[in-house]
Protein backbone atom coordinates (compact mmCIF):
# COMPACT_ATOMS: atom_id res chain seq x y z
CA UNK A 1 26.20 -17.41 -21.68
CA UNK A 2 22.90 -17.17 -19.75
CA UNK A 3 21.64 -13.65 -19.03
CA UNK A 4 20.87 -12.79 -15.41
CA UNK A 5 17.30 -11.57 -14.97
CA UNK A 6 15.12 -10.81 -11.99
CA UNK A 7 11.51 -9.90 -11.39
CA UNK A 8 10.37 -8.09 -8.26
CA UNK A 9 6.76 -7.45 -7.22
CA UNK A 10 6.50 -5.22 -4.18
CA UNK A 11 4.38 -2.91 -2.08
CA UNK A 12 5.68 0.40 -0.77
CA UNK A 13 4.09 3.12 1.32
CA UNK A 14 4.36 6.78 2.13
CA UNK A 15 3.92 8.11 5.66
CA UNK A 16 3.29 11.80 5.13
CA UNK A 17 3.22 14.02 8.21
CA UNK A 18 3.68 17.79 8.44
CA UNK A 19 4.62 17.90 4.72
CA UNK A 20 7.46 15.41 5.29
CA UNK A 21 7.90 11.83 4.04
CA UNK A 22 9.44 9.03 6.13
CA UNK A 23 12.43 7.30 4.50
CA UNK A 24 14.51 4.29 5.49
CA UNK A 25 18.14 3.44 4.76
CA UNK A 26 18.39 0.14 2.88
CA UNK A 27 20.22 -2.48 4.98
CA UNK A 28 21.05 -4.94 2.18
CA UNK A 29 20.85 -5.65 -1.52
CA UNK A 30 21.95 -3.61 -4.49
CA UNK A 31 20.73 -0.38 -2.94
CA UNK A 32 22.34 -0.92 0.50
CA UNK A 33 22.91 2.41 2.25
CA UNK A 34 20.52 4.30 -0.06
CA UNK A 35 17.34 6.03 1.10
CA UNK A 36 13.97 4.57 0.08
CA UNK A 37 10.35 4.56 1.13
CA UNK A 38 9.45 1.60 3.39
CA UNK A 39 8.20 -1.56 1.72
CA UNK A 40 9.36 -4.65 -0.06
CA UNK A 41 8.50 -7.88 -1.80
CA UNK A 42 5.07 -9.47 -1.78
CA UNK A 43 5.22 -13.08 -0.61
CA UNK A 44 3.27 -15.82 -2.39
CA UNK A 45 0.39 -15.89 0.11
CA UNK A 46 0.03 -12.11 0.65
CA UNK A 47 -2.01 -9.30 -0.80
CA UNK A 48 -0.12 -6.05 -1.45
CA UNK A 49 -1.71 -4.52 1.69
CA UNK A 50 -0.69 -7.47 3.87
CA UNK A 51 2.87 -7.31 2.53
CA UNK A 52 3.02 -3.58 3.22
CA UNK A 53 1.88 -4.03 6.82
CA UNK A 54 4.49 -6.77 7.35
CA UNK A 55 7.27 -4.72 5.75
CA UNK A 56 6.50 -1.64 7.87
CA UNK A 57 6.58 -3.75 11.03
CA UNK A 58 9.93 -5.29 9.99
CA UNK A 59 11.55 -2.06 8.77
CA UNK A 60 10.38 0.60 11.21
CA UNK A 61 8.68 -1.38 13.98
CA UNK A 62 5.29 0.23 13.49
CA UNK A 63 1.83 -1.12 12.80
CA UNK A 64 0.17 0.77 9.96
CA UNK A 65 -3.21 1.15 8.33
CA UNK A 66 -3.01 1.06 4.56
CA UNK A 67 -4.95 4.04 3.21
CA UNK A 68 -5.02 5.20 -0.40
CA UNK A 69 -3.75 3.28 -3.42
CA UNK A 70 -1.62 5.78 -5.36
CA UNK A 71 -0.82 3.60 -8.34
CA UNK A 72 1.31 0.89 -9.88
CA UNK A 73 4.87 1.74 -10.93
CA UNK A 74 6.70 -0.40 -13.48
CA UNK A 75 10.44 -0.26 -14.07
CA UNK A 76 12.56 -2.22 -16.53
CA UNK A 77 16.26 -1.69 -15.95
CA UNK A 78 19.80 -3.05 -15.94
CA UNK A 79 21.73 -2.82 -12.67
CA UNK A 80 25.17 -4.35 -12.09
CA UNK A 81 24.85 -6.33 -15.33
CA UNK A 82 21.51 -7.86 -14.36
CA UNK A 83 18.27 -7.20 -16.23
CA UNK A 84 15.42 -6.38 -13.87
CA UNK A 85 11.70 -5.89 -14.10
CA UNK A 86 9.76 -4.59 -11.12
CA UNK A 87 6.10 -3.91 -10.43
CA UNK A 88 5.48 -1.77 -7.36
CA UNK A 89 2.11 -1.12 -5.70
CA UNK A 90 2.27 2.30 -3.98
CA UNK A 91 0.04 3.42 -1.10
CA UNK A 92 -0.24 6.01 1.63
CA UNK A 93 -0.19 4.59 5.15
CA UNK A 94 -1.00 5.85 8.62
CA UNK A 95 0.92 4.76 11.73
CA UNK A 96 -1.22 2.98 14.35
CA UNK A 97 1.47 2.13 16.89
CA UNK A 98 1.58 4.67 19.70
CA UNK A 99 5.15 3.57 20.58
CA UNK A 100 6.49 4.61 17.15
CA UNK A 101 8.79 7.64 17.34
CA UNK A 102 8.86 9.68 14.14
């Protein structure tokens, strides 16, 4: 029997304002309905910063400036019988879009 495995490389960002952090509720996938910081997978032709800007626009409708690189997080796990390995680039971001309501 073939083992199910997945690899995920993503970029995620923190909006920190007034000592609070913005979170989203996951709309799909294994963590549907759970809270998370905005972000997601890096596409083949993207840098982590470009992916982060795209993900913020898709998830919260805001344009952002990518600020500080906080680090790279690596997780190896089993979830729902599937072995996973993820590498996550983590940044702080600042909202540019004046229409964004926090």
